[in-house]
Amino acid sequence: MGSRSVFAAAALLTFLSLPGTAAAQEISPPLAIVGATIIDGHGGAPIADGTIVIEGDRIAAVGPRASVAVPEAAEVIDGSGKFLTPGFVDTNVHMSLAFGRGGRVEEHAAYWAQHEALILQGLQLHLKHGVTTVRDSYGVLRPMQRVKKKIDSGEEFGPRTYLAGNIVGWGGPASETFAGLPESEISFFAEQMNDEVTLGSGEEMMHMTPDELRVAINTYLDYGPDFIKYGATHHFNYPAGISFSPRAQRVIVEEAHKRGLVAETHATSLEGLRLSILAGIDVVQHPDNVGNRTITDELVEMIVERDIVCSMLINQFTGPSWQFHVRNMERAREDLAEARAGERQRRIPPTTAEIRRRVQDTGLLQPGSVMEGRWTTKRTNAKKLIEAGCIVTVGTDNTLFGRGGVAADFLREEPENMEHQLPGLGTIFAIEGLVELGMTPLEAITAATKNGAIASKALDEYGTLDAGKAADVLVLDADPLADIANIRQLSTVIRGGRIIDVDALPTNPIALDWAAGTRKE
């Protein structure tokens, strides 16, 4: 029987052992993949002619073929010519309806009845591309918890999922802190959406004393988020107002740590990030984005010294996305040259706002501005953090619903330059982008596996291929160390010891084909 046929047979066997199926009481035999090249996630040389044995949902043994005993009852799969890696980890995704801005947030109402199905679809699309663990760092907590419960119980297929819910201190998708919207300009439905996202952890926290904040953050923690992400600054790059004082930030971090949870920050200014580092954060989201400024050597040194995980938006400024931005900057530079020619007759000097827009559009420094190019700076910062030896992970902002819009737009047609943020596929772009920024393929795979587990303080559970750890394994048909693009040559996904029929994912597609995991011709 060919390897694919054997995998298919094993997949059927593992499916029959799922809770709720007729064979739920049956125990699957061990599974052994023999003769593969094993890239175990530790960052060392791969194991040639290796064997991995899976029993139940755990790795029972892994190593060179000669040193691993295969149980007599095991289903044996020929791994010759195959390459194994741990399942990928994305440390920053957004799978719920929480990204509307302005009046368009009302479009959420049309999809609310399908909310949990959409969340599940986004999670399953990650699994389809080999992402076996995701951290959802901003979204609507309670419906996501219900979906997570179904996945954890085996009722539905999906990746291991961690949920933050709201970004503490922000007021929801139609708020001043998230979208620059004053309350006087939003609808009653938008107010309800804000409340459903924040669950009492919104902008009111910025007005609390430390003692009041301690009570409020614990009230939010009682809802059961898996980690805490807070807004050290407002969402946007400019102006990036600092949201919490140093002692207020310490309160948030301390209370998360008391419950054994990871605390992370979203900070879009240099000083905002510095305050978060001093507060004792474990993870920083988007350290590449500090308000269109180059990150300082001081901050980089602080991050390295404290082993703070850097979850970076690599997919937004590498690969096709970077080329998209380069083309836009080139056009903007041409427009600027024409404008400057016209300004020879203009006696009114450009305003600071004009100068700032020119910097952002062209990526060129301008006299009279401390700001730098938006995309060029992110790319520079990512390289700087990588070269300094920071613990880097891929955190993509993958979403079904788009950054600048909501479901109604993003279920209608494939948006321009959004492929790099589609669930699962965006993670692949990000891993490839790490190599574009200077990592070796081995380093990029380590960042997407081991480092991803470190971000949730769960390296003892997954992230590398070791005996006793969760059996999250990817089988590739080509060598990703020879060409990182070979991570797209995915033949099999094993999640928690179960071979997943990726062709059947998502199990209940309710969006158009691009969102369902296939590209329109």
Protein backbone atom coordinates (compact mmCIF):
# COMPACT_ATOMS: atom_id res chain seq x y z
CA MET A 1 0.00 0.00 0.00
CA GLY A 2 1.42 3.47 -0.92
CA SER A 3 2.26 5.98 1.78
CA ARG A 4 -0.70 8.21 0.98
CA SER A 5 -3.04 5.22 1.11
CA VAL A 6 -1.60 4.18 4.44
CA PHE A 7 -2.04 7.70 5.75
CA ALA A 8 -5.63 7.68 4.51
CA ALA A 9 -6.30 4.38 6.28
CA ALA A 10 -4.73 5.71 9.46
CA ALA A 11 -6.81 8.88 9.18
CA LEU A 12 -9.99 6.79 9.01
CA LEU A 13 -8.84 4.82 12.02
CA THR A 14 -8.17 7.92 14.08
CA PHE A 15 -11.46 9.47 12.96
CA LEU A 16 -13.33 6.40 14.20
CA SER A 17 -11.80 6.89 17.64
CA LEU A 18 -13.10 10.43 18.03
CA PRO A 19 -15.61 11.15 20.80
CA GLY A 20 -19.18 10.92 19.61
CA THR A 21 -18.52 8.34 16.85
CA ALA A 22 -19.71 4.75 16.81
CA ALA A 23 -16.24 3.46 17.60
CA ALA A 24 -15.59 5.97 20.38
CA GLN A 25 -14.72 3.21 22.85
CA GLU A 26 -12.13 1.62 20.57
CA ILE A 27 -8.48 2.42 21.10
CA SER A 28 -6.39 3.21 18.04
CA PRO A 29 -3.19 1.22 17.66
CA PRO A 30 0.13 3.08 17.84
CA LEU A 31 1.25 4.89 14.70
CA ALA A 32 4.87 4.79 13.54
CA ILE A 33 6.40 6.83 10.72
CA VAL A 34 9.67 5.17 9.78
CA GLY A 35 12.57 6.40 7.65
CA ALA A 36 11.70 10.11 7.50
CA THR A 37 13.99 13.11 8.01
CA ILE A 38 12.91 14.59 11.34
CA ILE A 39 13.28 18.33 11.99
CA ASP A 40 12.42 18.24 15.68
CA GLY A 41 12.05 21.98 16.36
CA HIS A 42 15.02 22.31 18.70
CA GLY A 43 17.08 24.05 16.03
CA GLY A 44 19.75 21.38 15.66
CA ALA A 45 20.65 19.15 12.76
CA PRO A 46 17.76 17.04 11.49
CA ILE A 47 17.55 13.33 12.25
CA ALA A 48 18.16 11.40 9.04
CA ASP A 49 16.36 8.07 8.62
CA GLY A 50 14.35 8.79 11.73
CA THR A 51 11.34 7.17 13.34
CA ILE A 52 8.54 8.65 15.38
CA VAL A 53 6.04 6.56 17.34
CA ILE A 54 2.69 8.01 18.38
CA GLU A 55 0.48 6.42 21.02
CA GLY A 56 -2.86 8.04 21.68
CA ASP A 57 -2.37 11.81 21.58
CA ARG A 58 1.30 11.68 22.60
CA ILE A 59 4.68 11.07 21.05
CA ALA A 60 5.95 7.82 22.55
CA ALA A 61 9.39 7.83 20.98
CA VAL A 62 11.42 9.73 18.40
CA GLY A 63 14.96 9.34 17.10
CA PRO A 64 17.11 7.49 14.57
CA ARG A 65 15.45 4.36 13.19
CA ALA A 66 18.04 2.12 14.83
CA SER A 67 17.33 3.49 18.30
CA VAL A 68 13.52 3.50 18.27
CA ALA A 69 11.55 0.33 18.92
CA VAL A 70 8.32 0.13 16.94
CA PRO A 71 5.49 -1.66 18.82
CA GLU A 72 4.31 -4.85 17.15
CA ALA A 73 0.73 -3.60 16.97
CA ALA A 74 1.69 -0.27 15.39
CA GLU A 75 0.39 0.94 12.05
CA VAL A 76 3.70 1.48 10.23
CA ILE A 77 4.03 4.17 7.57
CA ASP A 78 6.98 4.42 5.22
CA GLY A 79 8.43 7.89 5.69
CA SER A 80 11.13 7.57 3.04
CA GLY A 81 11.55 10.89 1.24
CA LYS A 82 9.32 12.65 3.79
CA PHE A 83 10.24 15.44 6.21
CA LEU A 84 8.62 15.82 9.64
CA THR A 85 8.31 19.02 11.66
CA PRO A 86 6.29 19.99 14.72
CA GLY A 87 2.96 21.65 13.99
CA PHE A 88 3.22 25.38 13.37
CA VAL A 89 2.17 27.96 15.97
CA ASP A 90 0.70 31.37 15.15
CA THR A 91 0.93 33.66 18.16
CA ASN A 92 -1.46 36.38 16.99
CA VAL A 93 -4.68 35.76 15.07
CA HIS A 94 -8.20 37.25 15.13
CA MET A 95 -10.99 34.81 14.34
CA SER A 96 -14.09 36.59 15.63
CA LEU A 97 -16.27 39.50 14.53
CA ALA A 98 -14.38 42.28 16.25
CA PHE A 99 -12.77 44.27 13.45
CA GLY A 100 -15.44 46.61 12.19
CA ARG A 101 -14.62 50.29 12.15
CA GLY A 102 -16.87 53.30 11.98
CA GLY A 103 -20.49 52.86 10.99
CA ARG A 104 -19.56 49.66 9.17
CA VAL A 105 -19.50 47.79 12.47
CA GLU A 106 -23.27 47.39 12.01
CA GLU A 107 -22.52 44.88 9.28
CA HIS A 108 -21.63 42.45 12.05
CA ALA A 109 -25.34 42.11 12.80
CA ALA A 110 -25.95 40.28 9.53
CA TYR A 111 -23.41 37.60 10.49
CA TRP A 112 -23.94 37.28 14.22
CA ALA A 113 -26.13 34.18 13.90
CA GLN A 114 -23.25 32.49 12.05
CA HIS A 115 -20.57 33.83 14.34
CA GLU A 116 -19.46 30.55 15.89
CA ALA A 117 -19.48 28.80 12.50
CA LEU A 118 -17.26 31.56 11.10
CA ILE A 119 -14.88 31.29 14.05
CA LEU A 120 -14.63 27.53 13.57
CA GLN A 121 -14.06 27.97 9.85
CA GLY A 122 -11.15 30.34 10.46
CA LEU A 123 -9.58 28.00 13.00
CA GLN A 124 -9.96 25.00 10.71
CA LEU A 125 -8.30 26.88 7.85
CA HIS A 126 -5.27 27.31 10.10
CA LEU A 127 -5.21 23.57 10.72
CA LYS A 128 -5.56 22.94 6.99
CA HIS A 129 -2.20 24.69 6.45
CA GLY A 130 -0.43 22.90 9.31
CA VAL A 131 -1.02 25.46 12.08
CA THR A 132 -1.85 23.23 15.03
CA THR A 133 -1.84 25.98 17.67
CA VAL A 134 -3.12 29.56 17.54
CA ARG A 135 -3.28 32.39 20.03
CA ASP A 136 -6.25 34.67 19.38
CA SER A 137 -5.12 37.94 20.90
CA TYR A 138 -8.20 40.11 20.30
CA GLY A 139 -11.79 39.12 19.79
CA VAL A 140 -15.20 38.31 21.22
CA LEU A 141 -14.37 35.99 24.10
CA ARG A 142 -17.56 34.10 24.87
CA PRO A 143 -18.47 32.72 21.42
CA MET A 144 -14.81 31.83 20.88
CA GLN A 145 -14.81 29.94 24.18
CA ARG A 146 -17.80 27.91 23.03
CA VAL A 147 -16.01 26.97 19.81
CA LYS A 148 -12.84 26.13 21.69
CA LYS A 149 -14.80 23.85 24.02
CA LYS A 150 -16.13 21.91 21.02
CA ILE A 151 -12.61 21.49 19.64
CA ASP A 152 -11.14 20.47 23.00
CA SER A 153 -13.88 17.87 23.54
CA GLY A 154 -13.35 16.35 20.08
CA GLU A 155 -16.76 17.40 18.83
CA GLU A 156 -15.07 19.52 16.15
CA PHE A 157 -11.65 19.49 14.48
CA GLY A 158 -9.43 22.50 15.06
CA PRO A 159 -6.09 23.70 16.35
CA ARG A 160 -5.17 24.12 19.99
CA THR A 161 -6.48 27.58 20.80
CA TYR A 162 -5.61 30.24 23.38
CA LEU A 163 -7.94 33.21 23.82
CA ALA A 164 -7.31 36.70 25.20
CA GLY A 165 -10.69 38.27 24.43
CA ASN A 166 -10.42 42.04 24.65
CA ILE A 167 -7.21 43.99 24.57
CA VAL A 168 -7.50 45.34 28.09
CA GLY A 169 -7.90 49.11 28.20
CA TRP A 170 -9.36 49.38 24.71
CA GLY A 171 -13.03 50.04 24.26
CA GLY A 172 -14.03 47.58 21.55
CA PRO A 173 -14.20 47.77 17.75
CA ALA A 174 -16.09 51.08 17.62
CA SER A 175 -14.18 52.94 20.31
CA GLU A 176 -11.82 55.89 20.58
CA THR A 177 -8.86 53.71 21.52
CA PHE A 178 -9.36 51.07 18.82
CA ALA A 179 -10.80 53.05 15.92
CA GLY A 180 -10.56 56.73 16.84
CA LEU A 181 -14.33 56.98 17.26
CA PRO A 182 -15.87 59.09 20.03
CA GLU A 183 -18.91 57.56 21.73
CA SER A 184 -21.09 60.42 20.48
CA GLU A 185 -20.67 59.16 16.90
CA ILE A 186 -21.57 55.49 17.25
CA SER A 187 -24.87 53.64 17.22
CA PHE A 188 -26.58 51.71 19.98
CA PHE A 189 -25.60 48.46 18.25
CA ALA A 190 -21.96 49.57 18.17
CA GLU A 191 -22.17 50.32 21.89
CA GLN A 192 -23.49 46.80 22.46
CA MET A 193 -20.68 45.37 20.34
CA ASN A 194 -18.13 47.26 22.40
CA ASP A 195 -19.64 45.88 25.62
CA GLU A 196 -19.66 42.32 24.29
CA VAL A 197 -15.98 42.56 23.39
CA THR A 198 -14.74 44.35 26.51
CA LEU A 199 -16.78 42.62 29.24
CA GLY A 200 -15.87 45.44 31.61
CA SER A 201 -12.20 45.63 30.57
CA GLY A 202 -12.48 48.68 28.34
CA GLU A 203 -11.47 52.32 28.40
CA GLU A 204 -12.89 52.87 31.88
CA MET A 205 -9.83 51.04 33.21
CA MET A 206 -7.60 53.95 32.18
CA HIS A 207 -9.44 56.10 34.73
CA MET A 208 -9.04 53.71 37.67
CA THR A 209 -6.71 53.87 40.62
CA PRO A 210 -4.35 50.89 40.95
CA ASP A 211 -6.54 49.36 43.67
CA GLU A 212 -9.66 49.74 41.54
CA LEU A 213 -7.82 48.35 38.54
CA ARG A 214 -6.72 45.30 40.50
CA VAL A 215 -10.36 44.46 41.26
CA ALA A 216 -11.49 45.14 37.69
CA ILE A 217 -8.79 43.05 36.03
CA ASN A 218 -9.63 40.11 38.27
CA THR A 219 -13.29 40.46 37.37
CA TYR A 220 -12.28 40.17 33.74
CA LEU A 221 -9.96 37.25 34.47
CA ASP A 222 -12.93 35.44 36.01
CA TYR A 223 -14.41 35.20 32.50
CA GLY A 224 -11.63 32.74 31.74
CA PRO A 225 -9.27 34.22 29.13
CA ASP A 226 -6.19 32.08 28.58
CA PHE A 227 -3.82 35.06 28.62
CA ILE A 228 -3.95 38.83 28.99
CA LYS A 229 -3.11 41.35 26.31
CA TYR A 230 -3.35 45.01 27.23
CA GLY A 231 -3.04 48.22 25.31
CA ALA A 232 -0.05 50.12 26.63
CA THR A 233 -0.95 52.74 24.02
CA HIS A 234 -3.90 53.33 21.75
CA HIS A 235 -4.31 51.03 18.77
CA PHE A 236 -3.13 53.33 16.02
CA ASN A 237 0.35 54.58 15.19
CA TYR A 238 -0.35 58.30 15.43
CA PRO A 239 -0.99 59.73 17.87
CA ALA A 240 -0.18 56.80 20.12
CA GLY A 241 -1.37 57.99 23.51
CA ILE A 242 -0.04 56.02 26.49
CA SER A 243 -2.99 54.30 28.16
CA PHE A 244 -1.66 53.17 31.55
CA SER A 245 0.82 54.55 34.06
CA PRO A 246 3.79 52.41 35.09
CA ARG A 247 2.13 51.26 38.30
CA ALA A 248 -1.15 50.52 36.51
CA GLN A 249 0.71 48.35 34.00
CA ARG A 250 2.40 46.49 36.85
CA VAL A 251 -1.01 45.75 38.35
CA ILE A 252 -2.24 44.18 35.10
CA VAL A 253 0.89 42.07 34.71
CA GLU A 254 0.98 41.03 38.37
CA GLU A 255 -2.64 39.87 38.43
CA ALA A 256 -2.18 37.85 35.23
CA HIS A 257 0.96 36.24 36.64
CA LYS A 258 -0.79 35.38 39.91
CA ARG A 259 -3.11 33.16 37.88
CA GLY A 260 -0.24 31.62 35.96
CA LEU A 261 -1.17 33.46 32.76
CA VAL A 262 1.01 35.13 30.15
CA ALA A 263 0.84 38.93 30.01
CA GLU A 264 1.53 40.72 26.76
CA THR A 265 1.29 44.23 25.37
CA HIS A 266 0.33 46.16 22.26
CA ALA A 267 2.40 49.33 22.30
CA THR A 268 2.81 51.63 19.31
CA SER A 269 5.33 54.09 20.68
CA LEU A 270 8.87 53.74 21.93
CA GLU A 271 8.06 54.94 25.45
CA GLY A 272 4.85 52.94 25.59
CA LEU A 273 6.80 49.77 24.87
CA ARG A 274 9.50 50.68 27.39
CA LEU A 275 6.90 51.03 30.16
CA SER A 276 5.48 47.61 29.31
CA ILE A 277 8.90 46.00 29.42
CA LEU A 278 9.53 47.50 32.84
CA ALA A 279 6.12 46.21 33.98
CA GLY A 280 7.31 42.64 33.40
CA ILE A 281 5.52 41.51 30.24
CA ASP A 282 6.19 38.09 28.74
CA VAL A 283 5.30 38.82 25.11
CA VAL A 284 5.21 41.95 22.97
CA GLN A 285 2.91 41.95 19.97
CA HIS A 286 4.12 43.83 16.91
CA PRO A 287 7.49 45.05 18.26
CA ASP A 288 8.19 45.85 14.61
CA ASN A 289 5.57 48.61 14.90
CA VAL A 290 6.55 51.34 17.34
CA GLY A 291 4.82 54.31 15.76
CA ASN A 292 6.77 54.51 12.51
CA ARG A 293 10.06 54.81 14.37
CA THR A 294 13.17 52.64 14.35
CA ILE A 295 13.27 50.67 17.57
CA THR A 296 16.08 51.87 19.83
CA ASP A 297 19.11 49.82 20.83
CA GLU A 298 18.04 50.29 24.46
CA LEU A 299 14.68 48.60 23.87
CA VAL A 300 16.20 45.78 21.87
CA GLU A 301 18.71 45.11 24.67
CA MET A 302 15.93 45.13 27.27
CA ILE A 303 13.89 42.65 25.25
CA VAL A 304 16.85 40.30 24.80
CA GLU A 305 17.96 40.50 28.44
CA ARG A 306 14.47 39.64 29.71
CA ASP A 307 13.75 36.87 27.18
CA ILE A 308 10.60 38.66 26.06
CA VAL A 309 8.96 36.93 23.11
CA CYS A 310 8.61 39.07 19.98
CA SER A 311 5.47 38.15 18.04
CA MET A 312 5.97 39.86 14.69
CA LEU A 313 3.79 40.67 11.69
CA ILE A 314 6.30 39.26 9.23
CA ASN A 315 3.66 38.49 6.61
CA GLN A 316 2.78 42.19 6.28
CA PHE A 317 6.18 43.35 5.07
CA THR A 318 7.73 40.41 3.25
CA GLY A 319 6.87 38.41 0.16
CA PRO A 320 4.00 39.60 -2.07
CA SER A 321 2.82 42.04 0.60
CA TRP A 322 6.19 43.80 0.63
CA GLN A 323 6.23 44.02 -3.15
CA PHE A 324 2.75 45.54 -3.00
CA HIS A 325 4.01 48.21 -0.59
CA VAL A 326 7.13 48.82 -2.68
CA ARG A 327 4.98 49.51 -5.76
CA ASN A 328 2.82 51.91 -3.77
CA MET A 329 5.87 53.72 -2.39
CA GLU A 330 7.35 54.06 -5.86
CA ARG A 331 4.13 55.63 -7.13
CA ALA A 332 4.01 57.92 -4.10
CA ARG A 333 7.59 59.03 -4.74
CA GLU A 334 6.72 59.85 -8.33
CA ASP A 335 3.71 61.84 -7.13
CA LEU A 336 5.90 63.64 -4.59
CA ALA A 337 8.41 64.63 -7.26
CA GLU A 338 5.59 66.12 -9.31
CA ALA A 339 4.17 67.90 -6.27
CA ARG A 340 7.55 69.38 -5.38
CA ALA A 341 7.93 70.69 -8.91
CA GLY A 342 4.60 72.43 -8.48
CA GLU A 343 5.54 73.73 -5.04
CA ARG A 344 8.23 75.92 -6.56
CA GLN A 345 5.37 78.26 -7.32
CA ARG A 346 3.76 77.67 -3.92
CA ARG A 347 4.62 80.09 -1.16
CA ILE A 348 2.80 78.29 1.67
CA PRO A 349 5.08 75.72 3.31
CA PRO A 350 3.73 72.16 3.74
CA THR A 351 1.99 71.47 7.03
CA THR A 352 3.24 68.88 9.51
CA ALA A 353 0.32 66.66 8.52
CA GLU A 354 1.36 66.86 4.86
CA ILE A 355 4.93 66.01 5.76
CA ARG A 356 3.81 63.06 7.87
CA ARG A 357 1.65 61.70 5.06
CA ARG A 358 4.57 61.99 2.64
CA VAL A 359 6.80 60.00 4.97
CA GLN A 360 4.22 57.24 5.39
CA ASP A 361 3.41 57.06 1.68
CA THR A 362 6.91 57.26 0.26
CA GLY A 363 8.98 55.62 2.99
CA LEU A 364 11.43 58.54 2.72
CA LEU A 365 12.61 60.71 5.58
CA GLN A 366 11.38 64.29 5.31
CA PRO A 367 12.89 67.45 6.83
CA GLY A 368 11.04 68.50 9.96
CA SER A 369 9.67 65.03 10.85
CA VAL A 370 10.81 62.43 13.38
CA MET A 371 8.49 59.91 11.72
CA GLU A 372 9.79 57.32 9.31
CA GLY A 373 8.22 55.19 6.59
CA ARG A 374 5.51 52.88 7.86
CA TRP A 375 6.46 49.71 6.02
CA THR A 376 10.17 50.34 5.64
CA THR A 377 10.46 50.90 9.38
CA LYS A 378 8.60 47.71 10.26
CA ARG A 379 10.93 45.74 8.04
CA THR A 380 13.99 47.45 9.53
CA ASN A 381 12.79 46.77 13.07
CA ALA A 382 12.09 43.10 12.35
CA LYS A 383 15.60 42.64 10.97
CA LYS A 384 17.09 44.43 13.95
CA LEU A 385 15.25 42.23 16.45
CA ILE A 386 16.15 39.05 14.55
CA GLU A 387 19.83 39.99 14.32
CA ALA A 388 19.91 40.77 18.05
CA GLY A 389 18.82 37.22 18.86
CA CYS A 390 15.32 37.96 20.17
CA ILE A 391 12.90 35.07 20.68
CA VAL A 392 10.89 35.60 17.51
CA THR A 393 7.53 34.09 16.64
CA VAL A 394 5.10 34.58 13.76
CA GLY A 395 2.04 36.59 14.79
CA THR A 396 0.13 37.33 11.62
CA ASP A 397 -3.14 39.11 12.43
CA ASN A 398 -4.75 36.44 10.24
CA THR A 399 -8.48 37.03 9.96
CA LEU A 400 -11.48 36.08 7.85
CA PHE A 401 -12.85 39.58 8.14
CA GLY A 402 -10.09 41.92 7.04
CA ARG A 403 -8.20 44.74 8.69
CA GLY A 404 -10.05 47.71 7.29
CA GLY A 405 -13.50 46.21 7.00
CA VAL A 406 -15.86 43.59 8.30
CA ALA A 407 -17.55 40.41 7.21
CA ALA A 408 -19.90 41.88 4.64
CA ASP A 409 -17.03 43.15 2.51
CA PHE A 410 -14.69 40.27 3.11
CA LEU A 411 -17.22 37.57 2.38
CA ARG A 412 -18.17 39.19 -0.92
CA GLU A 413 -14.92 39.15 -2.80
CA GLU A 414 -11.22 38.57 -2.37
CA PRO A 415 -9.73 41.90 -1.26
CA GLU A 416 -6.58 43.32 -2.78
CA ASN A 417 -3.39 42.35 -0.99
CA MET A 418 -5.16 40.32 1.70
CA GLU A 419 -3.98 36.81 0.79
CA HIS A 420 -1.10 37.21 3.24
CA GLN A 421 -3.60 37.48 6.13
CA LEU A 422 -5.93 34.61 5.27
CA PRO A 423 -6.17 32.01 8.03
CA GLY A 424 -3.31 29.54 7.84
CA LEU A 425 -1.98 30.83 4.55
CA GLY A 426 -0.82 34.04 6.24
CA THR A 427 1.20 31.93 8.67
CA ILE A 428 2.96 30.23 5.77
CA PHE A 429 3.79 33.63 4.25
CA ALA A 430 5.21 34.73 7.61
CA ILE A 431 7.47 31.70 8.00
CA GLU A 432 8.80 32.20 4.49
CA GLY A 433 9.21 35.91 5.28
CA LEU A 434 11.53 35.13 8.20
CA VAL A 435 13.99 33.66 5.70
CA GLU A 436 13.61 36.72 3.48
CA LEU A 437 14.63 38.83 6.50
CA GLY A 438 17.77 36.84 7.17
CA MET A 439 16.91 33.68 9.10
CA THR A 440 17.98 30.27 7.86
CA PRO A 441 15.10 27.90 7.05
CA LEU A 442 15.94 25.94 10.21
CA GLU A 443 15.75 29.09 12.33
CA ALA A 444 12.44 30.04 10.73
CA ILE A 445 10.93 26.62 11.49
CA THR A 446 12.19 26.87 15.07
CA ALA A 447 10.56 30.29 15.40
CA ALA A 448 7.27 28.88 14.11
CA THR A 449 7.30 25.84 16.40
CA LYS A 450 9.42 25.89 19.55
CA ASN A 451 9.28 29.66 20.02
CA GLY A 452 5.53 29.64 19.49
CA ALA A 453 5.16 27.24 22.41
CA ILE A 454 7.43 29.42 24.53
CA ALA A 455 5.01 32.31 23.95
CA SER A 456 2.36 30.43 25.94
CA LYS A 457 4.82 28.95 28.46
CA ALA A 458 3.86 25.53 27.09
CA LEU A 459 7.11 24.17 25.70
CA ASP A 460 6.75 21.15 27.97
CA GLU A 461 3.52 20.32 26.10
CA TYR A 462 4.25 20.95 22.40
CA GLY A 463 6.48 22.89 20.00
CA THR A 464 9.15 20.21 19.54
CA LEU A 465 9.07 16.54 18.64
CA ASP A 466 9.97 14.83 21.92
CA ALA A 467 8.69 11.79 23.76
CA GLY A 468 5.84 12.71 26.07
CA LYS A 469 4.76 15.79 24.16
CA ALA A 470 1.55 16.26 22.21
CA ALA A 471 1.65 14.53 18.84
CA ASP A 472 1.32 17.60 16.61
CA VAL A 473 3.29 16.58 13.52
CA LEU A 474 3.49 17.80 9.94
CA VAL A 475 4.59 15.54 7.09
CA LEU A 476 6.14 17.36 4.12
CA ASP A 477 6.87 15.93 0.69
CA ALA A 478 9.97 18.09 0.15
CA ASP A 479 12.86 19.41 2.23
CA PRO A 480 12.04 22.78 3.85
CA LEU A 481 15.69 23.25 4.82
CA ALA A 482 16.65 23.26 1.16
CA ASP A 483 13.86 25.72 0.32
CA ILE A 484 11.55 27.18 2.96
CA ALA A 485 8.77 27.31 0.35
CA ASN A 486 8.59 23.52 0.72
CA ILE A 487 6.52 24.02 3.87
CA ARG A 488 3.72 24.34 1.32
CA GLN A 489 4.35 20.73 0.26
CA LEU A 490 2.19 19.50 3.12
CA SER A 491 0.97 15.93 2.73
CA THR A 492 -0.29 15.12 6.23
CA VAL A 493 -1.30 16.99 9.37
CA ILE A 494 -1.37 15.11 12.66
CA ARG A 495 -3.00 17.01 15.52
CA GLY A 496 -3.01 15.42 18.96
CA GLY A 497 -2.25 12.03 17.44
CA ARG A 498 -5.10 12.24 14.92
CA ILE A 499 -4.44 12.36 11.21
CA ILE A 500 -6.56 15.18 9.88
CA ASP A 501 -8.35 14.99 6.55
CA VAL A 502 -7.28 18.47 5.45
CA ASP A 503 -9.22 18.15 2.20
CA ALA A 504 -12.40 18.09 4.29
CA LEU A 505 -11.56 21.37 6.04
CA PRO A 506 -13.38 23.56 6.71
CA THR A 507 -16.13 21.12 7.58
CA ASN A 508 -18.91 23.68 7.13
CA PRO A 509 -17.76 26.44 4.74
CA ILE A 510 -20.17 29.36 4.83
CA ALA A 511 -18.08 32.04 3.15
CA LEU A 512 -17.03 32.45 -0.46
CA ASP A 513 -14.37 30.19 -1.91
CA TRP A 514 -11.35 32.37 -1.06
CA ALA A 515 -12.33 32.29 2.62
CA ALA A 516 -13.12 28.58 2.45
CA GLY A 517 -9.52 27.78 1.68
CA THR A 518 -9.54 27.71 -2.11
CA ARG A 519 -8.54 30.49 -4.45
CA LYS A 520 -10.80 31.76 -7.17
CA GLU A 521 -9.55 31.19 -10.72
